[in-house]
């Protein structure tokens, strides 16, 4: 299990990745060719990985993303220490908060 700020990354076995997720198109990379797991709305800082891999994301921000790193990767952020991730599949969960009447992803 890995955590970088408001992003939690859980290794999962390949067979635990739902077929509905595998059918999603890969999320587009940013202008620097990175997979952005979370982007700070106020700062523009990003939890991001460069290199081979695929980020699968549903339109619902409360549903975890899935990340496939066939040869591992290095997660970086402007304000946090980098994290080296071994090859494999991961579930990516953004921190959430309760506000009266709803649950939402924490704004960075």
C-alpha atoms as a PDB file:
ATOM      1  CA  UNK A   1       0.000   0.000   0.000  1.00  0.00           C
ATOM      2  CA  UNK A   2       1.316   3.434  -0.932  1.00  0.00           C
ATOM      3  CA  UNK A   3       0.124   6.922  -0.147  1.00  0.00           C
ATOM      4  CA  UNK A   4       1.229  10.250  -1.567  1.00  0.00           C
ATOM      5  CA  UNK A   5      -0.774  13.131  -0.128  1.00  0.00           C
ATOM      6  CA  UNK A   6      -4.447  12.610  -0.879  1.00  0.00           C
ATOM      7  CA  UNK A   7      -3.831   9.645  -3.209  1.00  0.00           C
ATOM      8  CA  UNK A   8      -3.884   6.047  -1.928  1.00  0.00           C
ATOM      9  CA  UNK A   9      -2.470   3.320  -4.195  1.00  0.00           C
ATOM     10  CA  UNK A  10      -3.270  -0.323  -3.490  1.00  0.00           C
ATOM     11  CA  UNK A  11      -1.621  -3.203  -5.347  1.00  0.00           C
ATOM     12  CA  UNK A  12      -4.236  -5.614  -6.690  1.00  0.00           C
ATOM     13  CA  UNK A  13      -3.881  -8.957  -8.436  1.00  0.00           C
ATOM     14  CA  UNK A  14      -4.629  -8.800 -12.156  1.00  0.00           C
ATOM     15  CA  UNK A  15      -7.646 -11.081 -11.760  1.00  0.00           C
ATOM     16  CA  UNK A  16      -9.184  -8.552  -9.313  1.00  0.00           C
ATOM     17  CA  UNK A  17      -9.440  -5.867 -12.008  1.00  0.00           C
ATOM     18  CA  UNK A  18     -13.090  -5.856 -13.141  1.00  0.00           C
ATOM     19  CA  UNK A  19     -13.788  -6.597 -16.795  1.00  0.00           C
ATOM     20  CA  UNK A  20     -15.819  -3.384 -16.948  1.00  0.00           C
ATOM     21  CA  UNK A  21     -12.634  -1.479 -16.065  1.00  0.00           C
ATOM     22  CA  UNK A  22     -10.479  -3.356 -18.574  1.00  0.00           C
ATOM     23  CA  UNK A  23     -12.849  -2.256 -21.332  1.00  0.00           C
ATOM     24  CA  UNK A  24     -12.319   1.442 -20.605  1.00  0.00           C
ATOM     25  CA  UNK A  25     -10.159   3.487 -22.966  1.00  0.00           C
ATOM     26  CA  UNK A  26      -6.854   4.624 -21.415  1.00  0.00           C
ATOM     27  CA  UNK A  27      -6.994   8.095 -19.885  1.00  0.00           C
ATOM     28  CA  UNK A  28      -5.147  10.620 -22.014  1.00  0.00           C
ATOM     29  CA  UNK A  29      -1.720  11.749 -20.846  1.00  0.00           C
ATOM     30  CA  UNK A  30      -1.001  15.361 -20.067  1.00  0.00           C
ATOM     31  CA  UNK A  31       1.064  17.686 -22.266  1.00  0.00           C
ATOM     32  CA  UNK A  32       4.254  16.305 -20.704  1.00  0.00           C
ATOM     33  CA  UNK A  33       3.336  12.701 -21.534  1.00  0.00           C
ATOM     34  CA  UNK A  34       2.498  11.791 -17.936  1.00  0.00           C
ATOM     35  CA  UNK A  35      -0.341   9.787 -16.438  1.00  0.00           C
ATOM     36  CA  UNK A  36      -1.883  12.203 -13.931  1.00  0.00           C
ATOM     37  CA  UNK A  37      -3.524  10.427 -10.992  1.00  0.00           C
ATOM     38  CA  UNK A  38      -4.670  13.696  -9.384  1.00  0.00           C
ATOM     39  CA  UNK A  39      -4.242  17.349 -10.228  1.00  0.00           C
ATOM     40  CA  UNK A  40      -4.308  20.146  -7.654  1.00  0.00           C
ATOM     41  CA  UNK A  41      -6.996  22.589  -8.688  1.00  0.00           C
ATOM     42  CA  UNK A  42      -5.400  25.500  -6.815  1.00  0.00           C
ATOM     43  CA  UNK A  43      -1.696  24.756  -7.261  1.00  0.00           C
ATOM     44  CA  UNK A  44      -1.555  22.879 -10.572  1.00  0.00           C
ATOM     45  CA  UNK A  45       0.682  20.317  -8.857  1.00  0.00           C
ATOM     46  CA  UNK A  46       0.158  16.749 -10.002  1.00  0.00           C
ATOM     47  CA  UNK A  47       0.543  13.218  -8.687  1.00  0.00           C
ATOM     48  CA  UNK A  48       1.934  11.819 -11.941  1.00  0.00           C
ATOM     49  CA  UNK A  49       3.896   8.981 -13.530  1.00  0.00           C
ATOM     50  CA  UNK A  50       5.921   8.978 -16.727  1.00  0.00           C
ATOM     51  CA  UNK A  51       6.838   5.836 -18.610  1.00  0.00           C
ATOM     52  CA  UNK A  52       4.942   2.815 -19.836  1.00  0.00           C
ATOM     53  CA  UNK A  53       1.568   2.127 -18.338  1.00  0.00           C
ATOM     54  CA  UNK A  54      -2.147   2.662 -18.538  1.00  0.00           C
ATOM     55  CA  UNK A  55      -4.524   4.634 -16.343  1.00  0.00           C
ATOM     56  CA  UNK A  56      -8.147   3.486 -16.543  1.00  0.00           C
ATOM     57  CA  UNK A  57     -10.658   5.980 -15.176  1.00  0.00           C
ATOM     58  CA  UNK A  58     -14.436   6.022 -15.016  1.00  0.00           C
ATOM     59  CA  UNK A  59     -16.290   9.356 -15.301  1.00  0.00           C
ATOM     60  CA  UNK A  60     -17.390   9.121 -11.633  1.00  0.00           C
ATOM     61  CA  UNK A  61     -14.643  10.717  -9.474  1.00  0.00           C
ATOM     62  CA  UNK A  62     -15.750   8.653  -6.453  1.00  0.00           C
ATOM     63  CA  UNK A  63     -15.028   5.357  -8.248  1.00  0.00           C
ATOM     64  CA  UNK A  64     -11.393   4.207  -7.853  1.00  0.00           C
ATOM     65  CA  UNK A  65      -9.126   4.367 -10.894  1.00  0.00           C
ATOM     66  CA  UNK A  66      -6.992   1.426 -11.988  1.00  0.00           C
ATOM     67  CA  UNK A  67      -3.370   1.695 -13.008  1.00  0.00           C
ATOM     68  CA  UNK A  68      -1.331  -0.871 -14.913  1.00  0.00           C
ATOM     69  CA  UNK A  69       2.449  -0.551 -14.811  1.00  0.00           C
ATOM     70  CA  UNK A  70       4.007  -3.325 -16.944  1.00  0.00           C
ATOM     71  CA  UNK A  71       7.534  -2.406 -15.878  1.00  0.00           C
ATOM     72  CA  UNK A  72       6.961  -0.385 -12.711  1.00  0.00           C
ATOM     73  CA  UNK A  73       7.023   3.383 -12.370  1.00  0.00           C
ATOM     74  CA  UNK A  74       7.953   6.379 -10.293  1.00  0.00           C
ATOM     75  CA  UNK A  75       5.157   8.511  -8.841  1.00  0.00           C
ATOM     76  CA  UNK A  76       6.201  12.146  -8.433  1.00  0.00           C
ATOM     77  CA  UNK A  77       4.652  15.306  -7.006  1.00  0.00           C
ATOM     78  CA  UNK A  78       6.068  18.776  -6.511  1.00  0.00           C
ATOM     79  CA  UNK A  79       5.556  18.715  -2.707  1.00  0.00           C
ATOM     80  CA  UNK A  80       5.983  15.028  -1.811  1.00  0.00           C
ATOM     81  CA  UNK A  81       8.773  12.484  -1.953  1.00  0.00           C
ATOM     82  CA  UNK A  82       8.756  10.296  -5.057  1.00  0.00           C
ATOM     83  CA  UNK A  83       7.502   6.731  -4.712  1.00  0.00           C
ATOM     84  CA  UNK A  84       8.819   3.820  -6.764  1.00  0.00           C
ATOM     85  CA  UNK A  85       6.062   1.381  -7.701  1.00  0.00           C
ATOM     86  CA  UNK A  86       6.870  -2.182  -8.774  1.00  0.00           C
ATOM     87  CA  UNK A  87       5.290  -3.563 -11.922  1.00  0.00           C
ATOM     88  CA  UNK A  88       1.687  -4.656 -11.577  1.00  0.00           C
ATOM     89  CA  UNK A  89      -1.886  -3.479 -11.247  1.00  0.00           C
ATOM     90  CA  UNK A  90      -3.071  -0.895  -8.736  1.00  0.00           C
ATOM     91  CA  UNK A  91      -6.321   0.571  -7.487  1.00  0.00           C
ATOM     92  CA  UNK A  92      -6.016   4.359  -7.092  1.00  0.00           C
ATOM     93  CA  UNK A  93      -8.272   6.019  -4.526  1.00  0.00           C
ATOM     94  CA  UNK A  94      -8.583   9.768  -4.003  1.00  0.00           C
ATOM     95  CA  UNK A  95      -9.201  10.968  -0.466  1.00  0.00           C
ATOM     96  CA  UNK A  96     -12.836  11.866   0.130  1.00  0.00           C
ATOM     97  CA  UNK A  97     -14.608  14.079   2.574  1.00  0.00           C
ATOM     98  CA  UNK A  98     -18.134  14.320   3.861  1.00  0.00           C
ATOM     99  CA  UNK A  99     -19.999  17.560   3.519  1.00  0.00           C
ATOM    100  CA  UNK A 100     -23.601  17.770   4.657  1.00  0.00           C
ATOM    101  CA  UNK A 101     -25.661  15.946   2.073  1.00  0.00           C
ATOM    102  CA  UNK A 102     -22.848  14.438   0.013  1.00  0.00           C
ATOM    103  CA  UNK A 103     -19.385  12.914  -0.250  1.00  0.00           C
ATOM    104  CA  UNK A 104     -16.805  14.491  -2.528  1.00  0.00           C
ATOM    105  CA  UNK A 105     -13.174  14.139  -3.546  1.00  0.00           C
ATOM    106  CA  UNK A 106     -10.914  16.358  -1.450  1.00  0.00           C
ATOM    107  CA  UNK A 107      -9.857  19.481  -3.346  1.00  0.00           C
ATOM    108  CA  UNK A 108      -6.097  20.022  -3.378  1.00  0.00           C
END
